[in-house]
Amino acid sequence: MTNQTNQQLIIYTDGAARGNPGRGGYGIVLIWGNIRRELSGGYRMTTNNRMELLAVIVALEALTREGLDIQVYTDSQYLVNAVEKGWLWNWVKIGFKDKKNRDLWERFIPLYRRHRVKFNWVKGHASNPENNRCDQLATEAADGGNLQVDVGYERGE
């Protein structure tokens, strides 16, 4: 690898659910300079918002270093607004009362705090090739075999 001290990590993510709730999946594209990595996973019963959030969690969990400058691109306004508009921190203050996906948000927060992360909204199913690739990965995972169990969803968390 070349000198990466000031390099940004670019992460594209997408989530999909067939039926919402239904079979679901996430897709991720990580770009670090000229290095590219794709990740995906499928679940037997979940929601679109859970898969959107899980995609970012899995991407951040895949990182081996802390303190990175990260640009996340997603077509999920739920995710972008929760973080960039500070909704998440209000949800934390009220103990996630009447809020969904607490289990995933609580998994997300420590990962988010390890880095300098900026969320950017992109229009889904449009002209962004990386977002389109994430959508393809997410839907293929949702339609694939060996689906995982979204324990938080299935427990009603």
N, C-alpha and C. Protein backbone atom coordinates (compact mmCIF):
# COMPACT_ATOMS: atom_id res chain seq x y z
N MET A 1 0.84 -1.19 0.00
CA MET A 1 0.00 0.00 0.00
C MET A 1 0.88 1.24 0.00
N THR A 2 0.34 2.30 -0.55
CA THR A 2 1.06 3.57 -0.59
C THR A 2 0.83 4.32 0.71
N ASN A 3 1.38 5.51 0.82
CA ASN A 3 1.20 6.33 2.00
C ASN A 3 -0.28 6.65 2.18
N GLN A 4 -0.84 6.21 3.30
CA GLN A 4 -2.27 6.36 3.50
C GLN A 4 -2.61 7.19 4.74
N THR A 5 -1.66 7.98 5.20
CA THR A 5 -1.90 8.71 6.44
C THR A 5 -3.04 9.70 6.31
N ASN A 6 -3.20 10.34 5.16
CA ASN A 6 -4.27 11.32 4.99
C ASN A 6 -5.37 10.80 4.07
N GLN A 7 -5.33 9.56 3.75
CA GLN A 7 -6.28 8.99 2.81
C GLN A 7 -7.62 8.73 3.47
N GLN A 8 -8.68 8.97 2.73
CA GLN A 8 -10.02 8.68 3.23
C GLN A 8 -10.47 7.30 2.79
N LEU A 9 -11.20 6.67 3.67
CA LEU A 9 -11.88 5.44 3.33
C LEU A 9 -13.26 5.82 2.82
N ILE A 10 -13.62 5.29 1.67
CA ILE A 10 -14.94 5.52 1.10
C ILE A 10 -15.74 4.23 1.27
N ILE A 11 -16.93 4.36 1.84
CA ILE A 11 -17.80 3.21 2.05
C ILE A 11 -19.16 3.51 1.41
N TYR A 12 -19.57 2.62 0.54
CA TYR A 12 -20.93 2.66 -0.02
C TYR A 12 -21.70 1.51 0.61
N THR A 13 -22.95 1.76 0.99
CA THR A 13 -23.75 0.71 1.60
C THR A 13 -25.17 0.76 1.06
N ASP A 14 -25.83 -0.38 1.12
CA ASP A 14 -27.25 -0.44 0.80
C ASP A 14 -27.86 -1.63 1.51
N GLY A 15 -29.14 -1.51 1.80
CA GLY A 15 -29.89 -2.60 2.40
C GLY A 15 -31.14 -2.86 1.58
N ALA A 16 -31.64 -4.07 1.66
CA ALA A 16 -32.83 -4.44 0.91
C ALA A 16 -33.66 -5.41 1.73
N ALA A 17 -34.97 -5.33 1.55
CA ALA A 17 -35.87 -6.30 2.17
C ALA A 17 -36.97 -6.62 1.18
N ARG A 18 -37.24 -7.89 1.04
CA ARG A 18 -38.30 -8.37 0.16
C ARG A 18 -39.57 -8.49 0.97
N GLY A 19 -40.41 -7.49 0.88
CA GLY A 19 -41.67 -7.50 1.63
C GLY A 19 -41.67 -6.51 2.78
N ASN A 20 -40.54 -6.25 3.36
CA ASN A 20 -40.33 -5.23 4.40
C ASN A 20 -41.43 -5.23 5.47
N PRO A 21 -41.50 -6.20 6.39
CA PRO A 21 -40.45 -7.18 6.62
C PRO A 21 -40.52 -8.37 5.67
N GLY A 22 -39.37 -8.98 5.54
CA GLY A 22 -39.23 -10.15 4.69
C GLY A 22 -37.77 -10.55 4.62
N ARG A 23 -37.44 -11.36 3.61
CA ARG A 23 -36.04 -11.71 3.39
C ARG A 23 -35.28 -10.42 3.12
N GLY A 24 -34.08 -10.33 3.65
CA GLY A 24 -33.33 -9.08 3.47
C GLY A 24 -31.86 -9.33 3.25
N GLY A 25 -31.18 -8.27 2.87
CA GLY A 25 -29.74 -8.36 2.67
C GLY A 25 -29.10 -6.99 2.69
N TYR A 26 -27.79 -7.00 2.81
CA TYR A 26 -27.02 -5.76 2.74
C TYR A 26 -25.89 -5.95 1.74
N GLY A 27 -25.45 -4.82 1.19
CA GLY A 27 -24.30 -4.81 0.29
C GLY A 27 -23.38 -3.66 0.65
N ILE A 28 -22.08 -3.91 0.54
CA ILE A 28 -21.08 -2.92 0.94
C ILE A 28 -19.96 -2.90 -0.10
N VAL A 29 -19.52 -1.69 -0.43
CA VAL A 29 -18.30 -1.51 -1.22
C VAL A 29 -17.39 -0.59 -0.42
N LEU A 30 -16.19 -1.09 -0.08
CA LEU A 30 -15.18 -0.28 0.62
C LEU A 30 -14.09 0.07 -0.38
N ILE A 31 -13.68 1.33 -0.40
CA ILE A 31 -12.64 1.78 -1.32
C ILE A 31 -11.58 2.54 -0.53
N TRP A 32 -10.36 2.05 -0.58
CA TRP A 32 -9.21 2.66 0.10
C TRP A 32 -8.14 2.82 -0.97
N GLY A 33 -8.05 4.01 -1.54
CA GLY A 33 -7.11 4.22 -2.64
C GLY A 33 -7.50 3.33 -3.81
N ASN A 34 -6.58 2.47 -4.23
CA ASN A 34 -6.88 1.57 -5.35
C ASN A 34 -7.32 0.19 -4.88
N ILE A 35 -7.56 0.05 -3.57
CA ILE A 35 -8.02 -1.22 -3.02
C ILE A 35 -9.54 -1.17 -2.88
N ARG A 36 -10.17 -2.23 -3.33
CA ARG A 36 -11.64 -2.31 -3.29
C ARG A 36 -12.04 -3.65 -2.69
N ARG A 37 -13.03 -3.62 -1.81
CA ARG A 37 -13.53 -4.84 -1.19
C ARG A 37 -15.05 -4.79 -1.16
N GLU A 38 -15.69 -5.90 -1.46
CA GLU A 38 -17.14 -5.99 -1.43
C GLU A 38 -17.57 -7.00 -0.37
N LEU A 39 -18.65 -6.68 0.36
CA LEU A 39 -19.20 -7.56 1.39
C LEU A 39 -20.72 -7.60 1.23
N SER A 40 -21.31 -8.71 1.61
CA SER A 40 -22.77 -8.81 1.59
C SER A 40 -23.20 -9.92 2.53
N GLY A 41 -24.47 -9.89 2.89
CA GLY A 41 -25.05 -10.93 3.73
C GLY A 41 -26.56 -10.90 3.61
N GLY A 42 -27.18 -12.06 3.80
CA GLY A 42 -28.63 -12.17 3.68
C GLY A 42 -29.27 -12.70 4.95
N TYR A 43 -30.51 -12.31 5.18
CA TYR A 43 -31.27 -12.67 6.39
C TYR A 43 -32.66 -13.16 6.01
N ARG A 44 -33.16 -14.11 6.80
CA ARG A 44 -34.43 -14.74 6.45
C ARG A 44 -35.64 -13.87 6.76
N MET A 45 -35.53 -12.97 7.76
CA MET A 45 -36.64 -12.09 8.12
C MET A 45 -36.08 -10.83 8.77
N THR A 46 -36.34 -9.69 8.16
CA THR A 46 -35.79 -8.43 8.65
C THR A 46 -36.53 -7.28 7.99
N THR A 47 -36.01 -6.06 8.16
CA THR A 47 -36.59 -4.88 7.50
C THR A 47 -35.51 -4.15 6.71
N ASN A 48 -35.96 -3.30 5.83
CA ASN A 48 -35.03 -2.51 5.02
C ASN A 48 -34.14 -1.62 5.90
N ASN A 49 -34.75 -0.91 6.86
CA ASN A 49 -33.95 -0.02 7.71
C ASN A 49 -32.90 -0.79 8.49
N ARG A 50 -33.24 -1.99 8.95
CA ARG A 50 -32.26 -2.79 9.69
C ARG A 50 -31.09 -3.17 8.78
N MET A 51 -31.39 -3.50 7.54
CA MET A 51 -30.33 -3.88 6.61
C MET A 51 -29.48 -2.67 6.22
N GLU A 52 -30.10 -1.51 6.08
CA GLU A 52 -29.33 -0.28 5.80
C GLU A 52 -28.33 -0.02 6.93
N LEU A 53 -28.79 -0.12 8.15
CA LEU A 53 -27.95 0.11 9.32
C LEU A 53 -26.91 -1.00 9.49
N LEU A 54 -27.33 -2.24 9.30
CA LEU A 54 -26.40 -3.35 9.45
C LEU A 54 -25.26 -3.25 8.43
N ALA A 55 -25.55 -2.77 7.24
CA ALA A 55 -24.49 -2.62 6.23
C ALA A 55 -23.36 -1.73 6.76
N VAL A 56 -23.72 -0.62 7.37
CA VAL A 56 -22.69 0.29 7.91
C VAL A 56 -21.97 -0.38 9.07
N ILE A 57 -22.70 -1.07 9.93
CA ILE A 57 -22.07 -1.76 11.06
C ILE A 57 -21.05 -2.78 10.57
N VAL A 58 -21.44 -3.62 9.63
CA VAL A 58 -20.54 -4.65 9.11
C VAL A 58 -19.31 -4.00 8.46
N ALA A 59 -19.52 -2.92 7.73
CA ALA A 59 -18.39 -2.22 7.11
C ALA A 59 -17.42 -1.71 8.17
N LEU A 60 -17.93 -1.09 9.22
CA LEU A 60 -17.06 -0.57 10.28
C LEU A 60 -16.40 -1.69 11.06
N GLU A 61 -17.11 -2.80 11.26
CA GLU A 61 -16.53 -3.94 11.96
C GLU A 61 -15.40 -4.59 11.15
N ALA A 62 -15.42 -4.43 9.85
CA ALA A 62 -14.40 -5.03 8.99
C ALA A 62 -13.07 -4.27 9.04
N LEU A 63 -13.07 -3.08 9.62
CA LEU A 63 -11.86 -2.26 9.63
C LEU A 63 -10.89 -2.75 10.69
N THR A 64 -9.61 -2.70 10.36
CA THR A 64 -8.58 -3.17 11.28
C THR A 64 -7.84 -2.02 11.95
N ARG A 65 -8.14 -0.80 11.57
CA ARG A 65 -7.49 0.37 12.16
C ARG A 65 -8.53 1.30 12.73
N GLU A 66 -8.13 2.13 13.68
CA GLU A 66 -9.01 3.13 14.27
C GLU A 66 -8.58 4.51 13.81
N GLY A 67 -9.45 5.49 14.01
CA GLY A 67 -9.12 6.87 13.73
C GLY A 67 -9.09 7.24 12.26
N LEU A 68 -9.85 6.53 11.45
CA LEU A 68 -9.87 6.81 10.02
C LEU A 68 -10.85 7.93 9.67
N ASP A 69 -10.55 8.65 8.61
CA ASP A 69 -11.50 9.58 8.01
C ASP A 69 -12.33 8.76 7.03
N ILE A 70 -13.63 8.72 7.26
CA ILE A 70 -14.50 7.85 6.48
C ILE A 70 -15.67 8.66 5.91
N GLN A 71 -15.90 8.47 4.64
CA GLN A 71 -17.08 9.01 3.97
C GLN A 71 -18.00 7.83 3.66
N VAL A 72 -19.20 7.84 4.23
CA VAL A 72 -20.18 6.79 3.98
C VAL A 72 -21.23 7.35 3.03
N TYR A 73 -21.49 6.61 1.97
CA TYR A 73 -22.52 6.99 1.00
C TYR A 73 -23.64 5.96 1.06
N THR A 74 -24.86 6.42 1.27
CA THR A 74 -26.01 5.55 1.42
C THR A 74 -27.24 6.23 0.83
N ASP A 75 -28.20 5.43 0.38
CA ASP A 75 -29.46 5.99 -0.08
C ASP A 75 -30.51 5.98 1.03
N SER A 76 -30.09 5.73 2.26
CA SER A 76 -31.00 5.67 3.40
C SER A 76 -31.05 7.03 4.12
N GLN A 77 -32.14 7.74 3.92
CA GLN A 77 -32.30 9.00 4.64
C GLN A 77 -32.45 8.75 6.14
N TYR A 78 -33.04 7.62 6.49
CA TYR A 78 -33.16 7.22 7.90
C TYR A 78 -31.78 7.23 8.57
N LEU A 79 -30.82 6.62 7.94
CA LEU A 79 -29.48 6.51 8.48
C LEU A 79 -28.76 7.86 8.48
N VAL A 80 -28.78 8.54 7.35
CA VAL A 80 -28.09 9.83 7.23
C VAL A 80 -28.65 10.82 8.24
N ASN A 81 -29.97 10.93 8.30
CA ASN A 81 -30.58 11.91 9.20
C ASN A 81 -30.37 11.54 10.67
N ALA A 82 -30.44 10.27 10.99
CA ALA A 82 -30.24 9.85 12.38
C ALA A 82 -28.88 10.30 12.90
N VAL A 83 -27.86 10.19 12.06
CA VAL A 83 -26.51 10.55 12.49
C VAL A 83 -26.24 12.04 12.26
N GLU A 84 -26.42 12.50 11.05
CA GLU A 84 -26.01 13.87 10.70
C GLU A 84 -26.90 14.95 11.33
N LYS A 85 -28.15 14.64 11.58
CA LYS A 85 -29.05 15.62 12.22
C LYS A 85 -29.11 15.42 13.74
N GLY A 86 -28.38 14.42 14.24
CA GLY A 86 -28.30 14.23 15.68
C GLY A 86 -29.46 13.50 16.31
N TRP A 87 -30.36 12.94 15.49
CA TRP A 87 -31.49 12.22 16.07
C TRP A 87 -31.02 11.09 16.98
N LEU A 88 -29.97 10.39 16.56
CA LEU A 88 -29.48 9.24 17.30
C LEU A 88 -29.12 9.61 18.73
N TRP A 89 -28.48 10.74 18.90
CA TRP A 89 -28.02 11.13 20.25
C TRP A 89 -29.22 11.49 21.13
N ASN A 90 -30.28 12.00 20.54
CA ASN A 90 -31.52 12.22 21.30
C ASN A 90 -32.16 10.89 21.68
N TRP A 91 -32.11 9.92 20.76
CA TRP A 91 -32.66 8.59 21.06
C TRP A 91 -31.90 7.95 22.22
N VAL A 92 -30.58 8.16 22.24
CA VAL A 92 -29.78 7.62 23.34
C VAL A 92 -30.23 8.25 24.66
N LYS A 93 -30.41 9.58 24.65
CA LYS A 93 -30.81 10.29 25.86
C LYS A 93 -32.14 9.80 26.42
N ILE A 94 -33.06 9.40 25.54
CA ILE A 94 -34.37 8.94 26.01
C ILE A 94 -34.43 7.42 26.13
N GLY A 95 -33.26 6.79 26.04
CA GLY A 95 -33.20 5.34 26.18
C GLY A 95 -33.90 4.59 25.05
N PHE A 96 -33.92 5.20 23.87
CA PHE A 96 -34.55 4.61 22.68
C PHE A 96 -36.04 4.33 22.88
N LYS A 97 -36.68 5.08 23.80
CA LYS A 97 -38.11 4.87 24.04
C LYS A 97 -38.89 5.05 22.74
N ASP A 98 -39.66 4.03 22.40
CA ASP A 98 -40.50 4.01 21.20
C ASP A 98 -39.71 4.10 19.89
N LYS A 99 -38.43 3.77 19.92
CA LYS A 99 -37.60 3.78 18.71
C LYS A 99 -37.24 2.35 18.32
N LYS A 100 -37.19 2.12 17.03
CA LYS A 100 -36.87 0.78 16.53
C LYS A 100 -35.36 0.63 16.37
N ASN A 101 -34.94 -0.61 16.29
CA ASN A 101 -33.55 -0.97 15.95
C ASN A 101 -32.53 -0.60 17.02
N ARG A 102 -32.98 -0.53 18.25
CA ARG A 102 -32.07 -0.17 19.35
C ARG A 102 -30.84 -1.08 19.38
N ASP A 103 -31.04 -2.39 19.19
CA ASP A 103 -29.92 -3.32 19.25
C ASP A 103 -28.84 -2.96 18.24
N LEU A 104 -29.26 -2.58 17.04
CA LEU A 104 -28.28 -2.24 16.01
C LEU A 104 -27.65 -0.87 16.26
N TRP A 105 -28.44 0.10 16.69
CA TRP A 105 -27.87 1.41 17.00
C TRP A 105 -26.84 1.31 18.12
N GLU A 106 -27.13 0.48 19.13
CA GLU A 106 -26.17 0.33 20.22
C GLU A 106 -24.90 -0.40 19.76
N ARG A 107 -25.01 -1.22 18.77
CA ARG A 107 -23.84 -1.87 18.16
C ARG A 107 -23.06 -0.87 17.30
N PHE A 108 -23.78 0.04 16.66
CA PHE A 108 -23.19 1.05 15.77
C PHE A 108 -22.37 2.11 16.53
N ILE A 109 -22.89 2.60 17.63
CA ILE A 109 -22.31 3.76 18.31
C ILE A 109 -20.83 3.60 18.64
N PRO A 110 -20.38 2.51 19.29
CA PRO A 110 -18.94 2.42 19.59
C PRO A 110 -18.08 2.32 18.33
N LEU A 111 -18.61 1.71 17.28
CA LEU A 111 -17.87 1.64 16.02
C LEU A 111 -17.73 3.02 15.40
N TYR A 112 -18.79 3.78 15.41
CA TYR A 112 -18.82 5.15 14.88
C TYR A 112 -17.81 6.03 15.62
N ARG A 113 -17.73 5.85 16.93
CA ARG A 113 -16.86 6.72 17.75
C ARG A 113 -15.37 6.43 17.55
N ARG A 114 -15.03 5.30 16.93
CA ARG A 114 -13.63 4.97 16.69
C ARG A 114 -13.02 5.73 15.51
N HIS A 115 -13.88 6.41 14.75
CA HIS A 115 -13.43 7.04 13.51
C HIS A 115 -14.04 8.43 13.38
N ARG A 116 -13.67 9.12 12.31
CA ARG A 116 -14.29 10.38 11.93
C ARG A 116 -15.15 10.06 10.71
N VAL A 117 -16.46 9.90 10.95
CA VAL A 117 -17.36 9.40 9.93
C VAL A 117 -18.32 10.50 9.50
N LYS A 118 -18.44 10.67 8.20
CA LYS A 118 -19.40 11.61 7.61
C LYS A 118 -20.34 10.81 6.72
N PHE A 119 -21.65 10.99 6.93
CA PHE A 119 -22.65 10.31 6.12
C PHE A 119 -23.13 11.22 5.00
N ASN A 120 -23.26 10.64 3.82
CA ASN A 120 -23.70 11.36 2.63
C ASN A 120 -24.84 10.60 1.98
N TRP A 121 -25.90 11.31 1.65
CA TRP A 121 -27.03 10.67 1.00
C TRP A 121 -26.85 10.69 -0.51
N VAL A 122 -27.12 9.56 -1.15
CA VAL A 122 -27.14 9.48 -2.61
C VAL A 122 -28.49 8.94 -3.03
N LYS A 123 -28.96 9.37 -4.16
CA LYS A 123 -30.24 8.88 -4.67
C LYS A 123 -30.10 7.42 -5.06
N GLY A 124 -30.99 6.60 -4.55
CA GLY A 124 -30.96 5.17 -4.85
C GLY A 124 -31.46 4.88 -6.25
N HIS A 125 -30.99 3.79 -6.81
CA HIS A 125 -31.43 3.32 -8.13
C HIS A 125 -31.26 4.41 -9.19
N ALA A 126 -30.18 5.15 -9.08
CA ALA A 126 -29.92 6.26 -10.01
C ALA A 126 -28.60 6.00 -10.73
N SER A 127 -27.83 7.04 -10.92
CA SER A 127 -26.63 6.94 -11.77
C SER A 127 -25.35 6.67 -11.00
N ASN A 128 -25.43 6.39 -9.69
CA ASN A 128 -24.22 6.15 -8.93
C ASN A 128 -23.84 4.67 -9.03
N PRO A 129 -22.77 4.34 -9.76
CA PRO A 129 -22.44 2.93 -9.98
C PRO A 129 -22.12 2.16 -8.70
N GLU A 130 -21.51 2.79 -7.72
CA GLU A 130 -21.18 2.09 -6.47
C GLU A 130 -22.44 1.80 -5.66
N ASN A 131 -23.37 2.76 -5.61
CA ASN A 131 -24.63 2.51 -4.92
C ASN A 131 -25.41 1.42 -5.64
N ASN A 132 -25.39 1.43 -6.95
CA ASN A 132 -26.08 0.39 -7.71
C ASN A 132 -25.46 -0.98 -7.45
N ARG A 133 -24.13 -1.03 -7.32
CA ARG A 133 -23.47 -2.29 -7.01
C ARG A 133 -23.88 -2.79 -5.63
N CYS A 134 -23.95 -1.88 -4.65
CA CYS A 134 -24.40 -2.27 -3.31
C CYS A 134 -25.82 -2.81 -3.34
N ASP A 135 -26.68 -2.18 -4.13
CA ASP A 135 -28.05 -2.66 -4.27
C ASP A 135 -28.06 -4.07 -4.85
N GLN A 136 -27.24 -4.30 -5.85
CA GLN A 136 -27.14 -5.62 -6.46
C GLN A 136 -26.67 -6.66 -5.44
N LEU A 137 -25.63 -6.31 -4.67
CA LEU A 137 -25.13 -7.23 -3.65
C LEU A 137 -26.19 -7.52 -2.60
N ALA A 138 -26.93 -6.47 -2.18
CA ALA A 138 -27.96 -6.63 -1.14
C ALA A 138 -29.10 -7.51 -1.63
N THR A 139 -29.57 -7.27 -2.84
CA THR A 139 -30.70 -8.06 -3.34
C THR A 139 -30.28 -9.49 -3.64
N GLU A 140 -29.07 -9.69 -4.15
CA GLU A 140 -28.59 -11.06 -4.37
C GLU A 140 -28.48 -11.81 -3.05
N ALA A 141 -28.02 -11.13 -2.00
CA ALA A 141 -27.91 -11.77 -0.69
C ALA A 141 -29.29 -12.12 -0.15
N ALA A 142 -30.25 -11.21 -0.31
CA ALA A 142 -31.62 -11.46 0.17
C ALA A 142 -32.26 -12.63 -0.57
N ASP A 143 -31.91 -12.78 -1.85
CA ASP A 143 -32.49 -13.83 -2.68
C ASP A 143 -31.70 -15.14 -2.62
N GLY A 144 -30.57 -15.11 -1.94
CA GLY A 144 -29.69 -16.27 -1.91
C GLY A 144 -30.10 -17.32 -0.88
N GLY A 145 -29.27 -18.33 -0.77
CA GLY A 145 -29.48 -19.38 0.22
C GLY A 145 -28.71 -19.12 1.48
N ASN A 146 -28.80 -20.02 2.43
CA ASN A 146 -28.07 -19.91 3.70
C ASN A 146 -28.31 -18.58 4.39
N LEU A 147 -29.56 -18.18 4.48
CA LEU A 147 -29.89 -16.90 5.10
C LEU A 147 -29.67 -16.97 6.61
N GLN A 148 -29.12 -15.89 7.14
CA GLN A 148 -28.86 -15.78 8.57
C GLN A 148 -30.13 -15.36 9.30
N VAL A 149 -30.08 -15.45 10.62
CA VAL A 149 -31.19 -15.02 11.46
C VAL A 149 -30.87 -13.63 12.02
N ASP A 150 -31.75 -12.67 11.77
CA ASP A 150 -31.64 -11.35 12.38
C ASP A 150 -32.28 -11.47 13.76
N VAL A 151 -31.45 -11.84 14.72
CA VAL A 151 -31.94 -12.16 16.07
C VAL A 151 -32.69 -10.98 16.67
N GLY A 152 -32.16 -9.78 16.52
CA GLY A 152 -32.83 -8.61 17.07
C GLY A 152 -34.22 -8.41 16.51
N TYR A 153 -34.36 -8.60 15.22
CA TYR A 153 -35.68 -8.45 14.62
C TYR A 153 -36.62 -9.56 15.07
N GLU A 154 -36.13 -10.77 15.01
CA GLU A 154 -37.00 -11.91 15.33
C GLU A 154 -37.39 -11.96 16.81
N ARG A 155 -36.60 -11.35 17.67
CA ARG A 155 -36.96 -11.25 19.09
C ARG A 155 -37.90 -10.08 19.36
N GLY A 156 -38.09 -9.24 18.34
CA GLY A 156 -38.96 -8.09 18.50
C GLY A 156 -38.29 -6.90 19.13
N GLU A 157 -36.96 -6.85 19.05
CA GLU A 157 -36.24 -5.72 19.62
C GLU A 157 -36.36 -4.58 18.65
